[in-house]
Amino acid sequence: MLDNIRELDRQLFLALNFDGGPFWDSVFGLVTGRVFWIPLYILIIWLLYRKFGLRNTIIAALCIGAIVGLADQICNLFKDFMPSPRPTYTPELSGQVHTINDYWGGRSGTVSAHAATSFGIAVFTALKLRSRVYSILIFIWALLVSYSRIYVGLHFPDDLFFGAVVGALVALGMLAFYNWLIRKLAQRKEHKLRNEQL
């Protein structure tokens, strides 16, 4: 059964990994890079600020940073303790994997950190901003970033699925922490105001 799942995963990878020529190589080379998305991160911070104000936005930004850091490290743990070869290092796929600039990445790609961090950001911010349009767009972004890892030949589809799950779980945990912290700060402020009135 496991072998069948693995074979299906490889066949799906081969169907989605293709040589799109210089144009699509350039597009997905940008999409898979982190610097290209800095304007999006600035937009997210601005949307949070507009809805929640400065203090809560600073806390949310710190939580997003923690999501990225935690998700990335959890993925590294999987790569260290449950190593699985990337498509580029899978002997059965030798000569069939399209890469960009012949970049193969590290040998192990068990869980995709790109998928984990992008879905972590998407889940946390979608649940905070509660905008249908924003939610649709941010999850399209997360899917696009995740797919780019297949296009550049560095991850199998199941790596992306498990990465998305890791990111979503970390985001939900951080969202619970954020809500708890905001409640605590509100209670402290209320307590301080009550004491000043006495």
N, C-alpha and C. Protein backbone atom coordinates (compact mmCIF):
# COMPACT_ATOMS: atom_id res chain seq x y z
N MET A 1 0.83 -1.21 0.00
CA MET A 1 0.00 0.00 0.00
C MET A 1 0.87 1.27 0.00
N LEU A 2 1.88 1.28 0.90
CA LEU A 2 2.79 2.43 0.97
C LEU A 2 3.54 2.62 -0.34
N ASP A 3 3.95 1.51 -0.95
CA ASP A 3 4.65 1.59 -2.23
C ASP A 3 3.75 2.17 -3.32
N ASN A 4 2.46 1.80 -3.28
CA ASN A 4 1.51 2.33 -4.25
C ASN A 4 1.32 3.84 -4.09
N ILE A 5 1.26 4.28 -2.83
CA ILE A 5 1.12 5.72 -2.55
C ILE A 5 2.36 6.46 -3.03
N ARG A 6 3.53 5.89 -2.75
CA ARG A 6 4.78 6.52 -3.17
C ARG A 6 4.86 6.61 -4.71
N GLU A 7 4.44 5.54 -5.37
CA GLU A 7 4.47 5.54 -6.84
C GLU A 7 3.49 6.57 -7.40
N LEU A 8 2.30 6.68 -6.80
CA LEU A 8 1.32 7.67 -7.23
C LEU A 8 1.87 9.08 -7.04
N ASP A 9 2.56 9.28 -5.92
CA ASP A 9 3.16 10.58 -5.62
C ASP A 9 4.20 10.94 -6.68
N ARG A 10 5.00 9.98 -7.08
CA ARG A 10 6.03 10.23 -8.09
C ARG A 10 5.41 10.51 -9.46
N GLN A 11 4.36 9.78 -9.78
CA GLN A 11 3.70 10.00 -11.08
C GLN A 11 3.05 11.39 -11.12
N LEU A 12 2.45 11.79 -9.99
CA LEU A 12 1.86 13.13 -9.92
C LEU A 12 2.94 14.20 -10.04
N PHE A 13 4.08 13.96 -9.40
CA PHE A 13 5.19 14.89 -9.51
C PHE A 13 5.62 15.05 -10.97
N LEU A 14 5.80 13.93 -11.66
CA LEU A 14 6.25 13.98 -13.05
C LEU A 14 5.23 14.69 -13.94
N ALA A 15 3.94 14.56 -13.61
CA ALA A 15 2.90 15.23 -14.39
C ALA A 15 2.94 16.75 -14.18
N LEU A 16 3.37 17.18 -12.99
CA LEU A 16 3.36 18.60 -12.65
C LEU A 16 4.70 19.29 -12.86
N ASN A 17 5.77 18.51 -12.90
CA ASN A 17 7.11 19.06 -13.12
C ASN A 17 7.42 19.01 -14.60
N PHE A 18 7.59 20.17 -15.21
CA PHE A 18 7.83 20.21 -16.66
C PHE A 18 8.76 21.37 -16.99
N ASP A 19 9.34 21.30 -18.15
CA ASP A 19 10.21 22.38 -18.63
C ASP A 19 9.35 23.38 -19.39
N GLY A 20 9.07 24.50 -18.74
CA GLY A 20 8.25 25.52 -19.37
C GLY A 20 9.04 26.54 -20.16
N GLY A 21 10.35 26.33 -20.26
CA GLY A 21 11.18 27.26 -21.01
C GLY A 21 11.62 28.44 -20.15
N PRO A 22 12.40 29.36 -20.72
CA PRO A 22 12.97 30.48 -19.96
C PRO A 22 11.94 31.35 -19.24
N PHE A 23 10.77 31.58 -19.89
CA PHE A 23 9.77 32.44 -19.27
C PHE A 23 9.27 31.85 -17.95
N TRP A 24 8.78 30.60 -17.99
CA TRP A 24 8.24 30.00 -16.78
C TRP A 24 9.33 29.67 -15.77
N ASP A 25 10.53 29.39 -16.23
CA ASP A 25 11.64 29.22 -15.30
C ASP A 25 11.87 30.51 -14.51
N SER A 26 11.80 31.64 -15.21
CA SER A 26 11.98 32.94 -14.54
C SER A 26 10.84 33.22 -13.56
N VAL A 27 9.60 32.94 -14.00
CA VAL A 27 8.44 33.19 -13.15
C VAL A 27 8.52 32.36 -11.86
N PHE A 28 8.72 31.05 -12.02
CA PHE A 28 8.72 30.20 -10.83
C PHE A 28 10.01 30.33 -10.03
N GLY A 29 11.08 30.79 -10.67
CA GLY A 29 12.29 31.12 -9.92
C GLY A 29 12.03 32.27 -8.97
N LEU A 30 11.25 33.27 -9.42
CA LEU A 30 10.87 34.38 -8.55
C LEU A 30 9.88 33.94 -7.48
N VAL A 31 8.87 33.17 -7.89
CA VAL A 31 7.82 32.73 -6.96
C VAL A 31 8.40 31.92 -5.82
N THR A 32 9.36 31.06 -6.12
CA THR A 32 9.92 30.19 -5.09
C THR A 32 10.92 30.91 -4.19
N GLY A 33 11.38 32.10 -4.62
CA GLY A 33 12.29 32.90 -3.80
C GLY A 33 11.52 33.67 -2.73
N ARG A 34 12.18 34.01 -1.64
CA ARG A 34 11.50 34.70 -0.53
C ARG A 34 11.49 36.22 -0.71
N VAL A 35 12.52 36.79 -1.31
CA VAL A 35 12.64 38.24 -1.44
C VAL A 35 11.52 38.82 -2.29
N PHE A 36 11.10 38.09 -3.33
CA PHE A 36 10.06 38.55 -4.24
C PHE A 36 8.76 38.90 -3.52
N TRP A 37 8.50 38.25 -2.37
CA TRP A 37 7.22 38.41 -1.69
C TRP A 37 7.24 39.47 -0.58
N ILE A 38 8.34 40.22 -0.44
CA ILE A 38 8.41 41.25 0.59
C ILE A 38 7.26 42.26 0.49
N PRO A 39 6.90 42.74 -0.73
CA PRO A 39 5.74 43.66 -0.81
C PRO A 39 4.46 43.03 -0.25
N LEU A 40 4.26 41.73 -0.45
CA LEU A 40 3.07 41.07 0.11
C LEU A 40 3.11 41.11 1.62
N TYR A 41 4.27 40.85 2.22
CA TYR A 41 4.38 40.88 3.68
C TYR A 41 4.09 42.27 4.22
N ILE A 42 4.55 43.29 3.51
CA ILE A 42 4.28 44.67 3.92
C ILE A 42 2.78 44.95 3.85
N LEU A 43 2.13 44.46 2.79
CA LEU A 43 0.68 44.63 2.65
C LEU A 43 -0.06 43.94 3.79
N ILE A 44 0.36 42.75 4.17
CA ILE A 44 -0.28 42.02 5.27
C ILE A 44 -0.18 42.83 6.56
N ILE A 45 1.00 43.38 6.84
CA ILE A 45 1.18 44.19 8.05
C ILE A 45 0.27 45.41 8.02
N TRP A 46 0.17 46.04 6.84
CA TRP A 46 -0.69 47.22 6.71
C TRP A 46 -2.16 46.86 6.95
N LEU A 47 -2.61 45.73 6.40
CA LEU A 47 -4.00 45.29 6.59
C LEU A 47 -4.28 45.01 8.07
N LEU A 48 -3.31 44.38 8.73
CA LEU A 48 -3.47 44.11 10.17
C LEU A 48 -3.52 45.42 10.96
N TYR A 49 -2.65 46.34 10.61
CA TYR A 49 -2.61 47.64 11.30
C TYR A 49 -3.92 48.40 11.13
N ARG A 50 -4.44 48.38 9.91
CA ARG A 50 -5.69 49.09 9.63
C ARG A 50 -6.85 48.52 10.45
N LYS A 51 -6.82 47.23 10.69
CA LYS A 51 -7.95 46.60 11.40
C LYS A 51 -7.75 46.56 12.91
N PHE A 52 -6.50 46.39 13.37
CA PHE A 52 -6.28 46.13 14.79
C PHE A 52 -5.46 47.19 15.53
N GLY A 53 -4.87 48.14 14.83
CA GLY A 53 -4.07 49.15 15.50
C GLY A 53 -2.63 48.69 15.69
N LEU A 54 -1.81 49.61 16.20
CA LEU A 54 -0.37 49.39 16.26
C LEU A 54 0.03 48.26 17.21
N ARG A 55 -0.46 48.28 18.45
CA ARG A 55 -0.02 47.29 19.43
C ARG A 55 -0.34 45.87 18.99
N ASN A 56 -1.58 45.64 18.59
CA ASN A 56 -1.98 44.29 18.18
C ASN A 56 -1.27 43.85 16.90
N THR A 57 -0.96 44.81 16.03
CA THR A 57 -0.24 44.48 14.80
C THR A 57 1.19 44.06 15.10
N ILE A 58 1.81 44.74 16.06
CA ILE A 58 3.17 44.34 16.46
C ILE A 58 3.16 42.92 17.02
N ILE A 59 2.17 42.63 17.85
CA ILE A 59 2.06 41.27 18.42
C ILE A 59 1.80 40.25 17.31
N ALA A 60 0.90 40.60 16.39
CA ALA A 60 0.59 39.70 15.27
C ALA A 60 1.83 39.47 14.40
N ALA A 61 2.60 40.53 14.14
CA ALA A 61 3.81 40.40 13.33
C ALA A 61 4.83 39.49 14.01
N LEU A 62 4.95 39.63 15.33
CA LEU A 62 5.85 38.75 16.08
C LEU A 62 5.37 37.30 16.02
N CYS A 63 4.05 37.10 16.08
CA CYS A 63 3.49 35.75 15.98
C CYS A 63 3.74 35.16 14.59
N ILE A 64 3.60 35.98 13.55
CA ILE A 64 3.87 35.51 12.19
C ILE A 64 5.34 35.11 12.06
N GLY A 65 6.23 35.94 12.63
CA GLY A 65 7.65 35.60 12.63
C GLY A 65 7.91 34.28 13.34
N ALA A 66 7.21 34.08 14.46
CA ALA A 66 7.36 32.82 15.21
C ALA A 66 6.83 31.64 14.40
N ILE A 67 5.73 31.84 13.68
CA ILE A 67 5.18 30.78 12.83
C ILE A 67 6.21 30.36 11.79
N VAL A 68 6.80 31.35 11.13
CA VAL A 68 7.80 31.06 10.09
C VAL A 68 8.99 30.30 10.70
N GLY A 69 9.48 30.80 11.83
CA GLY A 69 10.63 30.15 12.47
C GLY A 69 10.34 28.74 12.95
N LEU A 70 9.20 28.57 13.63
CA LEU A 70 8.84 27.25 14.16
C LEU A 70 8.56 26.25 13.04
N ALA A 71 7.80 26.68 12.04
CA ALA A 71 7.48 25.78 10.93
C ALA A 71 8.75 25.34 10.21
N ASP A 72 9.66 26.28 10.00
CA ASP A 72 10.91 25.97 9.32
C ASP A 72 11.73 24.96 10.12
N GLN A 73 11.81 25.16 11.44
CA GLN A 73 12.61 24.25 12.27
C GLN A 73 11.97 22.87 12.40
N ILE A 74 10.65 22.82 12.45
CA ILE A 74 9.97 21.52 12.49
C ILE A 74 10.25 20.75 11.19
N CYS A 75 10.21 21.45 10.07
CA CYS A 75 10.52 20.80 8.79
C CYS A 75 11.96 20.30 8.76
N ASN A 76 12.87 21.08 9.34
CA ASN A 76 14.27 20.65 9.42
C ASN A 76 14.42 19.39 10.28
N LEU A 77 13.62 19.29 11.35
CA LEU A 77 13.66 18.09 12.19
C LEU A 77 13.23 16.86 11.39
N PHE A 78 12.17 17.01 10.61
CA PHE A 78 11.74 15.90 9.75
C PHE A 78 12.84 15.50 8.77
N LYS A 79 13.50 16.51 8.19
CA LYS A 79 14.56 16.23 7.23
C LYS A 79 15.75 15.53 7.89
N ASP A 80 16.00 15.87 9.17
CA ASP A 80 17.13 15.27 9.88
C ASP A 80 16.82 13.86 10.38
N PHE A 81 15.59 13.66 10.90
CA PHE A 81 15.28 12.40 11.56
C PHE A 81 14.42 11.45 10.73
N MET A 82 13.78 11.97 9.68
CA MET A 82 13.01 11.10 8.77
C MET A 82 13.38 11.46 7.34
N PRO A 83 14.66 11.33 6.99
CA PRO A 83 15.10 11.80 5.67
C PRO A 83 14.46 11.02 4.52
N SER A 84 14.10 11.77 3.49
CA SER A 84 13.55 11.19 2.28
C SER A 84 14.14 11.98 1.11
N PRO A 85 14.66 11.32 0.09
CA PRO A 85 15.34 12.05 -0.97
C PRO A 85 14.42 12.97 -1.77
N ARG A 86 14.96 14.11 -2.15
CA ARG A 86 14.25 15.01 -3.06
C ARG A 86 14.11 14.32 -4.42
N PRO A 87 13.22 14.82 -5.27
CA PRO A 87 13.11 14.24 -6.63
C PRO A 87 14.45 14.22 -7.37
N THR A 88 15.23 15.28 -7.18
CA THR A 88 16.52 15.37 -7.87
C THR A 88 17.50 14.29 -7.45
N TYR A 89 17.30 13.72 -6.26
CA TYR A 89 18.19 12.67 -5.75
C TYR A 89 17.54 11.30 -5.73
N THR A 90 16.40 11.16 -6.41
CA THR A 90 15.70 9.88 -6.48
C THR A 90 16.17 9.13 -7.72
N PRO A 91 16.88 8.01 -7.53
CA PRO A 91 17.47 7.30 -8.68
C PRO A 91 16.46 6.93 -9.75
N GLU A 92 15.24 6.54 -9.33
CA GLU A 92 14.24 6.11 -10.31
C GLU A 92 13.80 7.25 -11.24
N LEU A 93 14.07 8.49 -10.83
CA LEU A 93 13.66 9.64 -11.64
C LEU A 93 14.84 10.28 -12.36
N SER A 94 15.96 9.61 -12.35
CA SER A 94 17.17 10.17 -12.95
C SER A 94 16.93 10.60 -14.40
N GLY A 95 17.27 11.86 -14.67
CA GLY A 95 17.12 12.38 -16.03
C GLY A 95 15.72 12.85 -16.38
N GLN A 96 14.76 12.70 -15.46
CA GLN A 96 13.37 13.08 -15.75
C GLN A 96 12.94 14.36 -15.04
N VAL A 97 13.76 14.85 -14.11
CA VAL A 97 13.36 15.99 -13.27
C VAL A 97 13.84 17.30 -13.89
N HIS A 98 12.92 18.21 -14.09
CA HIS A 98 13.27 19.55 -14.58
C HIS A 98 13.69 20.42 -13.39
N THR A 99 14.84 21.06 -13.50
CA THR A 99 15.31 21.99 -12.47
C THR A 99 15.59 23.34 -13.12
N ILE A 100 15.86 24.33 -12.29
CA ILE A 100 16.24 25.66 -12.78
C ILE A 100 17.71 25.88 -12.47
N ASN A 101 18.48 26.22 -13.48
CA ASN A 101 19.92 26.45 -13.34
C ASN A 101 20.63 25.25 -12.71
N ASP A 102 20.09 24.06 -12.95
CA ASP A 102 20.68 22.82 -12.45
C ASP A 102 20.83 22.82 -10.92
N TYR A 103 19.90 23.52 -10.22
CA TYR A 103 19.95 23.54 -8.76
C TYR A 103 19.19 22.35 -8.21
N TRP A 104 19.88 21.51 -7.40
CA TRP A 104 19.29 20.29 -6.87
C TRP A 104 18.84 20.40 -5.43
N GLY A 105 19.27 21.40 -4.70
CA GLY A 105 18.93 21.52 -3.29
C GLY A 105 19.64 20.50 -2.44
N GLY A 106 19.32 20.47 -1.14
CA GLY A 106 19.88 19.46 -0.25
C GLY A 106 19.30 18.09 -0.57
N ARG A 107 19.93 17.06 -0.08
CA ARG A 107 19.50 15.69 -0.42
C ARG A 107 18.11 15.36 0.12
N SER A 108 17.76 15.86 1.30
CA SER A 108 16.50 15.47 1.94
C SER A 108 15.45 16.56 1.80
N GLY A 109 14.24 16.16 1.44
CA GLY A 109 13.14 17.12 1.31
C GLY A 109 11.85 16.58 1.89
N THR A 110 11.94 15.89 3.02
CA THR A 110 10.80 15.16 3.59
C THR A 110 9.55 16.01 3.73
N VAL A 111 9.67 17.19 4.33
CA VAL A 111 8.54 18.09 4.51
C VAL A 111 8.97 19.47 4.01
N SER A 112 8.16 20.08 3.17
CA SER A 112 8.53 21.35 2.55
C SER A 112 8.38 22.52 3.51
N ALA A 113 9.48 23.21 3.78
CA ALA A 113 9.44 24.40 4.63
C ALA A 113 8.73 25.55 3.91
N HIS A 114 8.86 25.61 2.58
CA HIS A 114 8.15 26.64 1.83
C HIS A 114 6.64 26.49 2.00
N ALA A 115 6.14 25.26 1.88
CA ALA A 115 4.71 25.02 2.06
C ALA A 115 4.29 25.30 3.49
N ALA A 116 5.11 24.90 4.46
CA ALA A 116 4.79 25.10 5.86
C ALA A 116 4.69 26.58 6.20
N THR A 117 5.68 27.36 5.79
CA THR A 117 5.67 28.78 6.14
C THR A 117 4.57 29.54 5.39
N SER A 118 4.36 29.24 4.12
CA SER A 118 3.34 29.97 3.36
C SER A 118 1.94 29.63 3.87
N PHE A 119 1.66 28.36 4.15
CA PHE A 119 0.35 28.01 4.68
C PHE A 119 0.18 28.47 6.12
N GLY A 120 1.27 28.51 6.87
CA GLY A 120 1.20 29.06 8.24
C GLY A 120 0.79 30.52 8.22
N ILE A 121 1.43 31.30 7.36
CA ILE A 121 1.07 32.72 7.22
C ILE A 121 -0.37 32.86 6.74
N ALA A 122 -0.75 32.04 5.76
CA ALA A 122 -2.10 32.12 5.18
C ALA A 122 -3.17 31.82 6.23
N VAL A 123 -3.00 30.74 6.99
CA VAL A 123 -4.01 30.36 7.98
C VAL A 123 -4.12 31.42 9.07
N PHE A 124 -3.00 31.87 9.62
CA PHE A 124 -3.02 32.85 10.71
C PHE A 124 -3.68 34.15 10.26
N THR A 125 -3.23 34.69 9.13
CA THR A 125 -3.76 35.99 8.71
C THR A 125 -5.19 35.91 8.21
N ALA A 126 -5.56 34.81 7.55
CA ALA A 126 -6.94 34.66 7.09
C ALA A 126 -7.90 34.62 8.28
N LEU A 127 -7.51 33.93 9.34
CA LEU A 127 -8.38 33.83 10.51
C LEU A 127 -8.41 35.13 11.30
N LYS A 128 -7.37 35.95 11.18
CA LYS A 128 -7.38 37.24 11.86
C LYS A 128 -8.14 38.29 11.05
N LEU A 129 -7.92 38.36 9.76
CA LEU A 129 -8.52 39.43 8.95
C LEU A 129 -9.98 39.14 8.59
N ARG A 130 -10.34 37.87 8.49
CA ARG A 130 -11.74 37.48 8.23
C ARG A 130 -12.33 38.17 7.01
N SER A 131 -11.57 38.19 5.93
CA SER A 131 -12.04 38.75 4.66
C SER A 131 -12.07 37.63 3.63
N ARG A 132 -13.20 37.45 2.98
CA ARG A 132 -13.32 36.37 2.01
C ARG A 132 -12.35 36.56 0.85
N VAL A 133 -12.28 37.80 0.34
CA VAL A 133 -11.39 38.07 -0.78
C VAL A 133 -9.94 37.83 -0.39
N TYR A 134 -9.56 38.36 0.79
CA TYR A 134 -8.18 38.17 1.26
C TYR A 134 -7.88 36.68 1.43
N SER A 135 -8.80 35.94 2.04
CA SER A 135 -8.58 34.51 2.29
C SER A 135 -8.36 33.75 0.98
N ILE A 136 -9.19 34.04 -0.02
CA ILE A 136 -9.03 33.36 -1.32
C ILE A 136 -7.66 33.68 -1.91
N LEU A 137 -7.27 34.96 -1.90
CA LEU A 137 -6.02 35.38 -2.52
C LEU A 137 -4.81 34.84 -1.77
N ILE A 138 -4.87 34.83 -0.44
CA ILE A 138 -3.69 34.38 0.32
C ILE A 138 -3.51 32.87 0.19
N PHE A 139 -4.60 32.12 0.05
CA PHE A 139 -4.45 30.67 -0.14
C PHE A 139 -4.03 30.34 -1.58
N ILE A 140 -4.42 31.17 -2.54
CA ILE A 140 -3.90 31.00 -3.89
C ILE A 140 -2.38 31.23 -3.87
N TRP A 141 -1.96 32.26 -3.14
CA TRP A 141 -0.52 32.54 -2.99
C TRP A 141 0.20 31.33 -2.38
N ALA A 142 -0.36 30.78 -1.30
CA ALA A 142 0.28 29.64 -0.63
C ALA A 142 0.37 28.43 -1.57
N LEU A 143 -0.68 28.20 -2.34
CA LEU A 143 -0.66 27.10 -3.31
C LEU A 143 0.36 27.35 -4.41
N LEU A 144 0.46 28.60 -4.86
CA LEU A 144 1.42 28.95 -5.91
C LEU A 144 2.86 28.75 -5.43
N VAL A 145 3.15 29.22 -4.21
CA VAL A 145 4.49 29.03 -3.65
C VAL A 145 4.79 27.54 -3.52
N SER A 146 3.81 26.78 -3.05
CA SER A 146 4.00 25.34 -2.88
C SER A 146 4.23 24.66 -4.24
N TYR A 147 3.39 25.00 -5.23
CA TYR A 147 3.58 24.39 -6.54
C TYR A 147 4.94 24.72 -7.14
N SER A 148 5.44 25.91 -6.86
CA SER A 148 6.74 26.30 -7.42
C SER A 148 7.84 25.33 -7.00
N ARG A 149 7.67 24.68 -5.85
CA ARG A 149 8.67 23.72 -5.39
C ARG A 149 8.65 22.45 -6.22
N ILE A 150 7.49 22.12 -6.79
CA ILE A 150 7.41 21.01 -7.74
C ILE A 150 8.04 21.43 -9.06
N TYR A 151 7.68 22.63 -9.51
CA TYR A 151 8.18 23.09 -10.81
C TYR A 151 9.71 23.11 -10.84
N VAL A 152 10.33 23.57 -9.75
CA VAL A 152 11.80 23.65 -9.73
C VAL A 152 12.44 22.31 -9.39
N GLY A 153 11.61 21.27 -9.17
CA GLY A 153 12.11 19.91 -9.00
C GLY A 153 12.59 19.54 -7.63
N LEU A 154 12.19 20.31 -6.59
CA LEU A 154 12.76 20.09 -5.26
C LEU A 154 11.86 19.36 -4.28
N HIS A 155 10.58 19.18 -4.61
CA HIS A 155 9.68 18.50 -3.67
C HIS A 155 8.64 17.67 -4.41
N PHE A 156 8.28 16.56 -3.78
CA PHE A 156 7.16 15.75 -4.23
C PHE A 156 5.87 16.35 -3.68
N PRO A 157 4.72 16.05 -4.28
CA PRO A 157 3.45 16.57 -3.77
C PRO A 157 3.20 16.25 -2.30
N ASP A 158 3.57 15.03 -1.84
CA ASP A 158 3.29 14.71 -0.43
C ASP A 158 4.16 15.55 0.51
N ASP A 159 5.36 15.97 0.08
CA ASP A 159 6.17 16.88 0.88
C ASP A 159 5.42 18.19 1.12
N LEU A 160 4.73 18.65 0.09
CA LEU A 160 3.99 19.90 0.17
C LEU A 160 2.76 19.74 1.06
N PHE A 161 2.08 18.59 0.93
CA PHE A 161 0.90 18.33 1.76
C PHE A 161 1.28 18.34 3.24
N PHE A 162 2.33 17.61 3.59
CA PHE A 162 2.73 17.55 5.00
C PHE A 162 3.26 18.90 5.47
N GLY A 163 3.92 19.64 4.58
CA GLY A 163 4.36 20.98 4.94
C GLY A 163 3.18 21.88 5.24
N ALA A 164 2.14 21.82 4.41
CA ALA A 164 0.94 22.63 4.64
C ALA A 164 0.28 22.27 5.97
N VAL A 165 0.25 20.99 6.29
CA VAL A 165 -0.34 20.55 7.57
C VAL A 165 0.47 21.10 8.74
N VAL A 166 1.79 20.98 8.66
CA VAL A 166 2.66 21.52 9.72
C VAL A 166 2.42 23.02 9.90
N GLY A 167 2.42 23.75 8.78
CA GLY A 167 2.21 25.20 8.85
C GLY A 167 0.87 25.57 9.45
N ALA A 168 -0.19 24.86 9.04
CA ALA A 168 -1.53 25.16 9.56
C ALA A 168 -1.61 24.89 11.05
N LEU A 169 -1.03 23.79 11.51
CA LEU A 169 -1.07 23.46 12.94
C LEU A 169 -0.29 24.47 13.77
N VAL A 170 0.88 24.86 13.28
CA VAL A 170 1.67 25.88 13.99
C VAL A 170 0.90 27.19 14.04
N ALA A 171 0.25 27.55 12.92
CA ALA A 171 -0.52 28.80 12.87
C ALA A 171 -1.68 28.78 13.85
N LEU A 172 -2.38 27.65 13.94
CA LEU A 172 -3.50 27.54 14.88
C LEU A 172 -3.02 27.66 16.32
N GLY A 173 -1.88 27.04 16.61
CA GLY A 173 -1.31 27.15 17.95
C GLY A 173 -0.91 28.58 18.26
N MET A 174 -0.29 29.26 17.31
CA MET A 174 0.12 30.64 17.51
C MET A 174 -1.07 31.57 17.60
N LEU A 175 -2.14 31.27 16.87
CA LEU A 175 -3.36 32.07 16.95
C LEU A 175 -3.97 31.96 18.34
N ALA A 176 -3.97 30.76 18.90
CA ALA A 176 -4.48 30.57 20.26
C ALA A 176 -3.64 31.37 21.25
N PHE A 177 -2.32 31.36 21.08
CA PHE A 177 -1.43 32.15 21.95
C PHE A 177 -1.72 33.64 21.78
N TYR A 178 -1.87 34.09 20.54
CA TYR A 178 -2.15 35.51 20.27
C TYR A 178 -3.43 35.94 20.99
N ASN A 179 -4.51 35.16 20.84
CA ASN A 179 -5.79 35.50 21.46
C ASN A 179 -5.68 35.51 22.98
N TRP A 180 -4.94 34.54 23.53
CA TRP A 180 -4.73 34.51 24.98
C TRP A 180 -3.98 35.74 25.45
N LEU A 181 -2.93 36.13 24.73
CA LEU A 181 -2.13 37.28 25.12
C LEU A 181 -2.93 38.56 25.03
N ILE A 182 -3.73 38.73 23.99
CA ILE A 182 -4.55 39.93 23.84
C ILE A 182 -5.56 40.02 24.98
N ARG A 183 -6.16 38.88 25.36
CA ARG A 183 -7.09 38.87 26.49
C ARG A 183 -6.40 39.27 27.78
N LYS A 184 -5.20 38.74 28.01
CA LYS A 184 -4.44 39.06 29.22
C LYS A 184 -4.11 40.55 29.28
N LEU A 185 -3.68 41.11 28.17
CA LEU A 185 -3.35 42.53 28.12
C LEU A 185 -4.58 43.39 28.36
N ALA A 186 -5.73 42.97 27.80
CA ALA A 186 -6.97 43.71 28.01
C ALA A 186 -7.40 43.64 29.48
N GLN A 187 -7.25 42.47 30.11
CA GLN A 187 -7.59 42.33 31.52
C GLN A 187 -6.68 43.18 32.40
N ARG A 188 -5.40 43.21 32.05
CA ARG A 188 -4.45 44.04 32.83
C ARG A 188 -4.82 45.52 32.71
N LYS A 189 -5.17 45.97 31.50
CA LYS A 189 -5.55 47.36 31.29
C LYS A 189 -6.81 47.70 32.07
N GLU A 190 -7.78 46.78 32.03
CA GLU A 190 -9.03 47.00 32.76
C GLU A 190 -8.77 47.05 34.26
N HIS A 191 -7.90 46.17 34.74
CA HIS A 191 -7.56 46.15 36.16
C HIS A 191 -6.87 47.44 36.57
N LYS A 192 -5.98 47.94 35.72
CA LYS A 192 -5.26 49.18 36.01
C LYS A 192 -6.21 50.36 36.06
N LEU A 193 -7.16 50.43 35.10
CA LEU A 193 -8.14 51.51 35.08
C LEU A 193 -9.04 51.47 36.32
N ARG A 194 -9.41 50.26 36.75
CA ARG A 194 -10.25 50.11 37.93
C ARG A 194 -9.53 50.62 39.17
N ASN A 195 -8.24 50.28 39.27
CA ASN A 195 -7.46 50.73 40.43
C ASN A 195 -7.28 52.25 40.44
N GLU A 196 -7.16 52.85 39.25
CA GLU A 196 -7.00 54.31 39.17
C GLU A 196 -8.27 55.03 39.57
N GLN A 197 -9.42 54.37 39.38
CA GLN A 197 -10.69 54.99 39.71
C GLN A 197 -11.00 54.91 41.19
N LEU A 198 -10.32 54.01 41.91
CA LEU A 198 -10.57 53.85 43.35
C LEU A 198 -9.91 54.97 44.14
